[in-house]
All heavy atoms as atom14 arrays in JSON, in Angstrom:
{
  "sequence": "PGRPIPEAIQRITGITDELVAGEPPIEVAIARLVAFAGDD",
  "atom14_mask": [
    [1, 1, 1, 1, 1, 1, 1, 0, 0, 0, 0, 0, 0, 0],
    [1, 1, 1, 1, 0, 0, 0, 0, 0, 0, 0, 0, 0, 0],
    [1, 1, 1, 1, 1, 1, 1, 1, 1, 1, 1, 0, 0, 0],
    [1, 1, 1, 1, 1, 1, 1, 0, 0, 0, 0, 0, 0, 0],
    [1, 1, 1, 1, 1, 1, 1, 1, 0, 0, 0, 0, 0, 0],
    [1, 1, 1, 1, 1, 1, 1, 0, 0, 0, 0, 0, 0, 0],
    [1, 1, 1, 1, 1, 1, 1, 1, 1, 0, 0, 0, 0, 0],
    [1, 1, 1, 1, 1, 0, 0, 0, 0, 0, 0, 0, 0, 0],
    [1, 1, 1, 1, 1, 1, 1, 1, 0, 0, 0, 0, 0, 0],
    [1, 1, 1, 1, 1, 1, 1, 1, 1, 0, 0, 0, 0, 0],
    [1, 1, 1, 1, 1, 1, 1, 1, 1, 1, 1, 0, 0, 0],
    [1, 1, 1, 1, 1, 1, 1, 1, 0, 0, 0, 0, 0, 0],
    [1, 1, 1, 1, 1, 1, 1, 0, 0, 0, 0, 0, 0, 0],
    [1, 1, 1, 1, 0, 0, 0, 0, 0, 0, 0, 0, 0, 0],
    [1, 1, 1, 1, 1, 1, 1, 1, 0, 0, 0, 0, 0, 0],
    [1, 1, 1, 1, 1, 1, 1, 0, 0, 0, 0, 0, 0, 0],
    [1, 1, 1, 1, 1, 1, 1, 1, 0, 0, 0, 0, 0, 0],
    [1, 1, 1, 1, 1, 1, 1, 1, 1, 0, 0, 0, 0, 0],
    [1, 1, 1, 1, 1, 1, 1, 1, 0, 0, 0, 0, 0, 0],
    [1, 1, 1, 1, 1, 1, 1, 0, 0, 0, 0, 0, 0, 0],
    [1, 1, 1, 1, 1, 0, 0, 0, 0, 0, 0, 0, 0, 0],
    [1, 1, 1, 1, 0, 0, 0, 0, 0, 0, 0, 0, 0, 0],
    [1, 1, 1, 1, 1, 1, 1, 1, 1, 0, 0, 0, 0, 0],
    [1, 1, 1, 1, 1, 1, 1, 0, 0, 0, 0, 0, 0, 0],
    [1, 1, 1, 1, 1, 1, 1, 0, 0, 0, 0, 0, 0, 0],
    [1, 1, 1, 1, 1, 1, 1, 1, 0, 0, 0, 0, 0, 0],
    [1, 1, 1, 1, 1, 1, 1, 1, 1, 0, 0, 0, 0, 0],
    [1, 1, 1, 1, 1, 1, 1, 0, 0, 0, 0, 0, 0, 0],
    [1, 1, 1, 1, 1, 0, 0, 0, 0, 0, 0, 0, 0, 0],
    [1, 1, 1, 1, 1, 1, 1, 1, 0, 0, 0, 0, 0, 0],
    [1, 1, 1, 1, 1, 0, 0, 0, 0, 0, 0, 0, 0, 0],
    [1, 1, 1, 1, 1, 1, 1, 1, 1, 1, 1, 0, 0, 0],
    [1, 1, 1, 1, 1, 1, 1, 1, 0, 0, 0, 0, 0, 0],
    [1, 1, 1, 1, 1, 1, 1, 0, 0, 0, 0, 0, 0, 0],
    [1, 1, 1, 1, 1, 0, 0, 0, 0, 0, 0, 0, 0, 0],
    [1, 1, 1, 1, 1, 1, 1, 1, 1, 1, 1, 0, 0, 0],
    [1, 1, 1, 1, 1, 0, 0, 0, 0, 0, 0, 0, 0, 0],
    [1, 1, 1, 1, 0, 0, 0, 0, 0, 0, 0, 0, 0, 0],
    [1, 1, 1, 1, 1, 1, 1, 1, 0, 0, 0, 0, 0, 0],
    [1, 1, 1, 1, 1, 1, 1, 1, 0, 0, 0, 0, 0, 0]
  ],
  "atom14_positions": [
    [[40.7, -108.17, -41.68], [40.65, -109.63, -41.56], [40.96, -110.38, -42.86], [41.04, -111.6, -42.86], [39.21, -109.89, -41.11], [38.44, -108.76, -41.69], [39.37, -107.58, -41.65], [0.0, 0.0, 0.0], [0.0, 0.0, 0.0], [0.0, 0.0, 0.0], [0.0, 0.0, 0.0], [0.0, 0.0, 0.0], [0.0, 0.0, 0.0], [0.0, 0.0, 0.0]],
    [[41.12, -109.65, -43.95], [41.48, -110.31, -45.2], [40.32, -110.95, -45.93], [40.51, -111.67, -46.9], [0.0, 0.0, 0.0], [0.0, 0.0, 0.0], [0.0, 0.0, 0.0], [0.0, 0.0, 0.0], [0.0, 0.0, 0.0], [0.0, 0.0, 0.0], [0.0, 0.0, 0.0], [0.0, 0.0, 0.0], [0.0, 0.0, 0.0], [0.0, 0.0, 0.0]],
    [[39.12, -110.68, -45.45], [37.92, -111.17, -46.13], [36.74, -110.35, -45.65], [36.84, -109.63, -44.64], [37.7, -112.66, -45.86], [37.44, -112.98, -44.43], [37.19, -114.45, -44.3], [37.03, -114.81, -42.92], [36.99, -116.03, -42.49], [37.12, -117.02, -43.33], [36.82, -116.29, -41.23], [0.0, 0.0, 0.0], [0.0, 0.0, 0.0], [0.0, 0.0, 0.0]],
    [[35.61, -110.42, -46.35], [34.45, -109.61, -45.94], [33.97, -109.96, -44.53], [34.0, -111.11, -44.12], [33.38, -109.97, -46.99], [34.16, -110.45, -48.17], [35.37, -111.14, -47.6], [0.0, 0.0, 0.0], [0.0, 0.0, 0.0], [0.0, 0.0, 0.0], [0.0, 0.0, 0.0], [0.0, 0.0, 0.0], [0.0, 0.0, 0.0], [0.0, 0.0, 0.0]],
    [[33.54, -108.93, -43.82], [32.97, -109.12, -42.49], [31.5, -109.47, -42.66], [30.76, -108.73, -43.33], [33.14, -107.85, -41.64], [34.63, -107.51, -41.5], [32.48, -108.02, -40.28], [34.89, -106.14, -40.89], [0.0, 0.0, 0.0], [0.0, 0.0, 0.0], [0.0, 0.0, 0.0], [0.0, 0.0, 0.0], [0.0, 0.0, 0.0], [0.0, 0.0, 0.0]],
    [[31.04, -110.56, -42.06], [29.62, -110.93, -42.21], [28.69, -109.83, -41.69], [29.01, -109.12, -40.72], [29.5, -112.19, -41.34], [30.89, -112.75, -41.28], [31.79, -111.55, -41.29], [0.0, 0.0, 0.0], [0.0, 0.0, 0.0], [0.0, 0.0, 0.0], [0.0, 0.0, 0.0], [0.0, 0.0, 0.0], [0.0, 0.0, 0.0], [0.0, 0.0, 0.0]],
    [[27.57, -109.69, -42.34], [26.58, -108.66, -41.99], [26.2, -108.73, -40.51], [26.09, -107.69, -39.85], [25.34, -108.81, -42.87], [24.31, -107.71, -42.69], [24.8, -106.37, -43.2], [25.56, -106.33, -44.18], [24.4, -105.35, -42.61], [0.0, 0.0, 0.0], [0.0, 0.0, 0.0], [0.0, 0.0, 0.0], [0.0, 0.0, 0.0], [0.0, 0.0, 0.0]],
    [[25.99, -109.92, -39.99], [25.6, -110.06, -38.57], [26.68, -109.5, -37.65], [26.37, -108.83, -36.66], [25.34, -111.53, -38.24], [0.0, 0.0, 0.0], [0.0, 0.0, 0.0], [0.0, 0.0, 0.0], [0.0, 0.0, 0.0], [0.0, 0.0, 0.0], [0.0, 0.0, 0.0], [0.0, 0.0, 0.0], [0.0, 0.0, 0.0], [0.0, 0.0, 0.0]],
    [[27.93, -109.72, -37.97], [29.04, -109.2, -37.16], [29.11, -107.68, -37.3], [29.36, -106.97, -36.32], [30.37, -109.86, -37.56], [30.3, -111.38, -37.37], [31.53, -109.25, -36.81], [29.95, -111.83, -35.98], [0.0, 0.0, 0.0], [0.0, 0.0, 0.0], [0.0, 0.0, 0.0], [0.0, 0.0, 0.0], [0.0, 0.0, 0.0], [0.0, 0.0, 0.0]],
    [[28.88, -107.16, -38.49], [28.86, -105.71, -38.68], [27.79, -105.07, -37.81], [28.03, -104.01, -37.22], [28.64, -105.37, -40.15], [29.82, -105.7, -41.04], [29.63, -105.23, -42.46], [29.19, -104.11, -42.69], [29.97, -106.09, -43.42], [0.0, 0.0, 0.0], [0.0, 0.0, 0.0], [0.0, 0.0, 0.0], [0.0, 0.0, 0.0], [0.0, 0.0, 0.0]],
    [[26.63, -105.7, -37.72], [25.55, -105.16, -36.89], [25.92, -105.17, -35.41], [25.63, -104.24, -34.68], [24.25, -105.93, -37.12], [23.55, -105.56, -38.41], [22.12, -106.09, -38.46], [21.99, -107.51, -38.21], [22.08, -108.46, -39.15], [22.3, -108.12, -40.41], [21.96, -109.73, -38.84], [0.0, 0.0, 0.0], [0.0, 0.0, 0.0], [0.0, 0.0, 0.0]],
    [[26.58, -106.24, -34.96], [26.95, -106.37, -33.55], [28.06, -105.39, -33.17], [27.99, -104.73, -32.14], [27.41, -107.82, -33.24], [26.22, -108.77, -33.35], [28.04, -107.91, -31.86], [26.61, -110.23, -33.34], [0.0, 0.0, 0.0], [0.0, 0.0, 0.0], [0.0, 0.0, 0.0], [0.0, 0.0, 0.0], [0.0, 0.0, 0.0], [0.0, 0.0, 0.0]],
    [[29.1, -105.3, -34.01], [30.29, -104.53, -33.65], [30.32, -103.12, -34.2], [31.03, -102.27, -33.68], [31.56, -105.24, -34.15], [31.56, -105.25, -35.59], [31.67, -106.65, -33.62], [0.0, 0.0, 0.0], [0.0, 0.0, 0.0], [0.0, 0.0, 0.0], [0.0, 0.0, 0.0], [0.0, 0.0, 0.0], [0.0, 0.0, 0.0], [0.0, 0.0, 0.0]],
    [[29.59, -102.89, -35.28], [29.67, -101.6, -35.96], [30.91, -101.47, -36.83], [31.15, -100.43, -37.42], [0.0, 0.0, 0.0], [0.0, 0.0, 0.0], [0.0, 0.0, 0.0], [0.0, 0.0, 0.0], [0.0, 0.0, 0.0], [0.0, 0.0, 0.0], [0.0, 0.0, 0.0], [0.0, 0.0, 0.0], [0.0, 0.0, 0.0], [0.0, 0.0, 0.0]],
    [[31.7, -102.54, -36.92], [32.91, -102.53, -37.74], [32.55, -103.06, -39.12], [32.06, -104.18, -39.26], [34.02, -103.37, -37.1], [34.39, -102.78, -35.73], [35.25, -103.43, -38.01], [35.36, -103.64, -34.94], [0.0, 0.0, 0.0], [0.0, 0.0, 0.0], [0.0, 0.0, 0.0], [0.0, 0.0, 0.0], [0.0, 0.0, 0.0], [0.0, 0.0, 0.0]],
    [[32.79, -102.24, -40.14], [32.43, -102.59, -41.5], [33.67, -102.86, -42.35], [34.79, -102.53, -41.96], [31.64, -101.44, -42.15], [32.52, -100.3, -42.24], [30.4, -101.08, -41.35], [0.0, 0.0, 0.0], [0.0, 0.0, 0.0], [0.0, 0.0, 0.0], [0.0, 0.0, 0.0], [0.0, 0.0, 0.0], [0.0, 0.0, 0.0], [0.0, 0.0, 0.0]],
    [[33.44, -103.41, -43.52], [34.54, -103.63, -44.47], [35.23, -102.31, -44.8], [36.45, -102.26, -44.94], [34.03, -104.29, -45.76], [33.53, -105.7, -45.52], [34.07, -106.4, -44.64], [32.59, -106.11, -46.23], [0.0, 0.0, 0.0], [0.0, 0.0, 0.0], [0.0, 0.0, 0.0], [0.0, 0.0, 0.0], [0.0, 0.0, 0.0], [0.0, 0.0, 0.0]],
    [[34.45, -101.25, -44.91], [35.02, -99.94, -45.23], [35.93, -99.44, -44.11], [36.96, -98.81, -44.38], [33.9, -98.92, -45.5], [33.09, -99.19, -46.76], [32.07, -100.32, -46.59], [31.66, -100.63, -45.46], [31.71, -100.92, -47.63], [0.0, 0.0, 0.0], [0.0, 0.0, 0.0], [0.0, 0.0, 0.0], [0.0, 0.0, 0.0], [0.0, 0.0, 0.0]],
    [[35.56, -99.7, -42.86], [36.38, -99.27, -41.73], [37.73, -99.97, -41.68], [38.73, -99.37, -41.3], [35.65, -99.51, -40.4], [34.59, -98.52, -40.01], [33.89, -98.96, -38.72], [35.18, -97.14, -39.81], [0.0, 0.0, 0.0], [0.0, 0.0, 0.0], [0.0, 0.0, 0.0], [0.0, 0.0, 0.0], [0.0, 0.0, 0.0], [0.0, 0.0, 0.0]],
    [[37.77, -101.24, -42.04], [39.03, -101.99, -41.95], [39.86, -101.92, -43.22], [41.02, -102.35, -43.22], [38.8, -103.46, -41.53], [38.15, -103.54, -40.16], [37.98, -104.21, -42.57], [0.0, 0.0, 0.0], [0.0, 0.0, 0.0], [0.0, 0.0, 0.0], [0.0, 0.0, 0.0], [0.0, 0.0, 0.0], [0.0, 0.0, 0.0], [0.0, 0.0, 0.0]],
    [[39.31, -101.37, -44.29], [40.07, -101.24, -45.54], [41.31, -100.38, -45.29], [41.21, -99.28, -44.76], [39.2, -100.62, -46.63], [0.0, 0.0, 0.0], [0.0, 0.0, 0.0], [0.0, 0.0, 0.0], [0.0, 0.0, 0.0], [0.0, 0.0, 0.0], [0.0, 0.0, 0.0], [0.0, 0.0, 0.0], [0.0, 0.0, 0.0], [0.0, 0.0, 0.0]],
    [[42.46, -100.9, -45.61], [43.71, -100.18, -45.43], [44.31, -100.32, -44.04], [45.4, -99.81, -43.79], [0.0, 0.0, 0.0], [0.0, 0.0, 0.0], [0.0, 0.0, 0.0], [0.0, 0.0, 0.0], [0.0, 0.0, 0.0], [0.0, 0.0, 0.0], [0.0, 0.0, 0.0], [0.0, 0.0, 0.0], [0.0, 0.0, 0.0], [0.0, 0.0, 0.0]],
    [[43.62, -100.99, -43.13], [44.17, -101.24, -41.79], [45.16, -102.4, -41.87], [45.15, -103.17, -42.83], [43.05, -101.54, -40.8], [42.1, -100.38, -40.58], [42.75, -99.18, -39.93], [43.77, -99.34, -39.21], [42.25, -98.06, -40.13], [0.0, 0.0, 0.0], [0.0, 0.0, 0.0], [0.0, 0.0, 0.0], [0.0, 0.0, 0.0], [0.0, 0.0, 0.0]],
    [[46.01, -102.56, -40.86], [47.02, -103.61, -40.94], [46.41, -105.01, -40.85], [45.38, -105.2, -40.21], [47.91, -103.34, -39.72], [47.05, -102.6, -38.76], [46.11, -101.78, -39.62], [0.0, 0.0, 0.0], [0.0, 0.0, 0.0], [0.0, 0.0, 0.0], [0.0, 0.0, 0.0], [0.0, 0.0, 0.0], [0.0, 0.0, 0.0], [0.0, 0.0, 0.0]],
    [[47.09, -105.98, -41.46], [46.67, -107.38, -41.27], [47.03, -107.81, -39.85], [47.79, -107.13, -39.15], [47.49, -108.14, -42.32], [48.7, -107.29, -42.54], [48.24, -105.87, -42.35], [0.0, 0.0, 0.0], [0.0, 0.0, 0.0], [0.0, 0.0, 0.0], [0.0, 0.0, 0.0], [0.0, 0.0, 0.0], [0.0, 0.0, 0.0], [0.0, 0.0, 0.0]],
    [[46.52, -108.94, -39.43], [46.7, -109.4, -38.05], [48.17, -109.53, -37.66], [48.55, -109.18, -36.53], [45.94, -110.73, -37.78], [45.95, -111.07, -36.29], [46.5, -111.86, -38.6], [45.26, -110.06, -35.41], [0.0, 0.0, 0.0], [0.0, 0.0, 0.0], [0.0, 0.0, 0.0], [0.0, 0.0, 0.0], [0.0, 0.0, 0.0], [0.0, 0.0, 0.0]],
    [[49.03, -109.97, -38.56], [50.45, -110.14, -38.22], [51.09, -108.8, -37.84], [51.87, -108.74, -36.88], [51.21, -110.76, -39.39], [50.77, -112.15, -39.78], [49.54, -112.17, -40.7], [49.1, -111.1, -41.16], [49.01, -113.28, -40.93], [0.0, 0.0, 0.0], [0.0, 0.0, 0.0], [0.0, 0.0, 0.0], [0.0, 0.0, 0.0], [0.0, 0.0, 0.0]],
    [[50.76, -107.76, -38.55], [51.3, -106.43, -38.26], [50.68, -105.88, -36.97], [51.38, -105.32, -36.12], [51.07, -105.47, -39.44], [51.46, -104.05, -39.08], [51.83, -105.96, -40.67], [0.0, 0.0, 0.0], [0.0, 0.0, 0.0], [0.0, 0.0, 0.0], [0.0, 0.0, 0.0], [0.0, 0.0, 0.0], [0.0, 0.0, 0.0], [0.0, 0.0, 0.0]],
    [[49.38, -106.06, -36.81], [48.69, -105.57, -35.62], [49.23, -106.23, -34.36], [49.46, -105.56, -33.35], [47.19, -105.8, -35.75], [0.0, 0.0, 0.0], [0.0, 0.0, 0.0], [0.0, 0.0, 0.0], [0.0, 0.0, 0.0], [0.0, 0.0, 0.0], [0.0, 0.0, 0.0], [0.0, 0.0, 0.0], [0.0, 0.0, 0.0], [0.0, 0.0, 0.0]],
    [[49.47, -107.54, -34.42], [50.02, -108.25, -33.25], [51.43, -107.76, -32.95], [51.79, -107.56, -31.78], [50.0, -109.78, -33.48], [48.56, -110.29, -33.48], [50.83, -110.5, -32.43], [47.84, -110.21, -32.17], [0.0, 0.0, 0.0], [0.0, 0.0, 0.0], [0.0, 0.0, 0.0], [0.0, 0.0, 0.0], [0.0, 0.0, 0.0], [0.0, 0.0, 0.0]],
    [[52.24, -107.54, -33.97], [53.6, -107.03, -33.76], [53.54, -105.66, -33.07], [54.34, -105.38, -32.17], [54.36, -106.94, -35.08], [0.0, 0.0, 0.0], [0.0, 0.0, 0.0], [0.0, 0.0, 0.0], [0.0, 0.0, 0.0], [0.0, 0.0, 0.0], [0.0, 0.0, 0.0], [0.0, 0.0, 0.0], [0.0, 0.0, 0.0], [0.0, 0.0, 0.0]],
    [[52.6, -104.83, -33.45], [52.45, -103.51, -32.82], [51.98, -103.65, -31.37], [52.43, -102.91, -30.49], [51.48, -102.65, -33.62], [52.04, -102.23, -34.96], [51.04, -101.43, -35.76], [51.57, -101.1, -37.08], [50.87, -100.57, -38.05], [49.58, -100.29, -37.88], [51.43, -100.31, -39.22], [0.0, 0.0, 0.0], [0.0, 0.0, 0.0], [0.0, 0.0, 0.0]],
    [[51.09, -104.59, -31.1], [50.64, -104.85, -29.73], [51.81, -105.32, -28.87], [51.99, -104.85, -27.74], [49.52, -105.87, -29.71], [49.07, -106.33, -28.32], [48.5, -105.17, -27.51], [48.07, -107.47, -28.45], [0.0, 0.0, 0.0], [0.0, 0.0, 0.0], [0.0, 0.0, 0.0], [0.0, 0.0, 0.0], [0.0, 0.0, 0.0], [0.0, 0.0, 0.0]],
    [[52.61, -106.23, -29.39], [53.77, -106.74, -28.65], [54.75, -105.6, -28.37], [55.3, -105.48, -27.26], [54.43, -107.9, -29.41], [55.78, -108.26, -28.82], [53.52, -109.11, -29.43], [0.0, 0.0, 0.0], [0.0, 0.0, 0.0], [0.0, 0.0, 0.0], [0.0, 0.0, 0.0], [0.0, 0.0, 0.0], [0.0, 0.0, 0.0], [0.0, 0.0, 0.0]],
    [[54.96, -104.73, -29.34], [55.85, -103.57, -29.13], [55.29, -102.65, -28.05], [56.03, -102.15, -27.2], [56.05, -102.82, -30.44], [0.0, 0.0, 0.0], [0.0, 0.0, 0.0], [0.0, 0.0, 0.0], [0.0, 0.0, 0.0], [0.0, 0.0, 0.0], [0.0, 0.0, 0.0], [0.0, 0.0, 0.0], [0.0, 0.0, 0.0], [0.0, 0.0, 0.0]],
    [[53.98, -102.43, -28.06], [53.33, -101.62, -27.03], [53.53, -102.25, -25.67], [53.85, -101.57, -24.69], [51.84, -101.46, -27.33], [51.05, -100.87, -26.22], [51.03, -99.49, -26.01], [50.3, -101.66, -25.36], [50.3, -98.93, -24.97], [49.57, -101.11, -24.32], [49.56, -99.74, -24.13], [0.0, 0.0, 0.0], [0.0, 0.0, 0.0], [0.0, 0.0, 0.0]],
    [[53.35, -103.55, -25.56], [53.45, -104.25, -24.28], [54.87, -104.25, -23.74], [55.08, -104.17, -22.53], [52.95, -105.68, -24.43], [0.0, 0.0, 0.0], [0.0, 0.0, 0.0], [0.0, 0.0, 0.0], [0.0, 0.0, 0.0], [0.0, 0.0, 0.0], [0.0, 0.0, 0.0], [0.0, 0.0, 0.0], [0.0, 0.0, 0.0], [0.0, 0.0, 0.0]],
    [[55.86, -104.32, -24.63], [57.24, -104.34, -24.18], [57.48, -105.5, -23.23], [57.09, -106.63, -23.51], [0.0, 0.0, 0.0], [0.0, 0.0, 0.0], [0.0, 0.0, 0.0], [0.0, 0.0, 0.0], [0.0, 0.0, 0.0], [0.0, 0.0, 0.0], [0.0, 0.0, 0.0], [0.0, 0.0, 0.0], [0.0, 0.0, 0.0], [0.0, 0.0, 0.0]],
    [[58.04, -105.21, -22.07], [58.31, -106.25, -21.06], [57.19, -106.38, -20.05], [57.32, -107.13, -19.08], [59.63, -105.94, -20.34], [60.82, -106.07, -21.25], [60.77, -106.89, -22.2], [61.82, -105.36, -21.03], [0.0, 0.0, 0.0], [0.0, 0.0, 0.0], [0.0, 0.0, 0.0], [0.0, 0.0, 0.0], [0.0, 0.0, 0.0], [0.0, 0.0, 0.0]],
    [[56.1, -105.64, -20.22], [55.0, -105.69, -19.27], [54.27, -107.03, -19.35], [54.29, -107.73, -20.37], [53.99, -104.57, -19.55], [54.56, -103.2, -19.25], [55.6, -103.12, -18.59], [53.94, -102.21, -19.7], [0.0, 0.0, 0.0], [0.0, 0.0, 0.0], [0.0, 0.0, 0.0], [0.0, 0.0, 0.0], [0.0, 0.0, 0.0], [0.0, 0.0, 0.0]]
  ]
}
């Protein structure tokens, strides 16, 4: 997300700053989703 994940959100989702470190930013992730979807 490009910024620290709030503690309350980490507790709810289990997703931590360490888990998302090195993962794609939203622009890249959306492009990958669109490629997956294709014409569907």
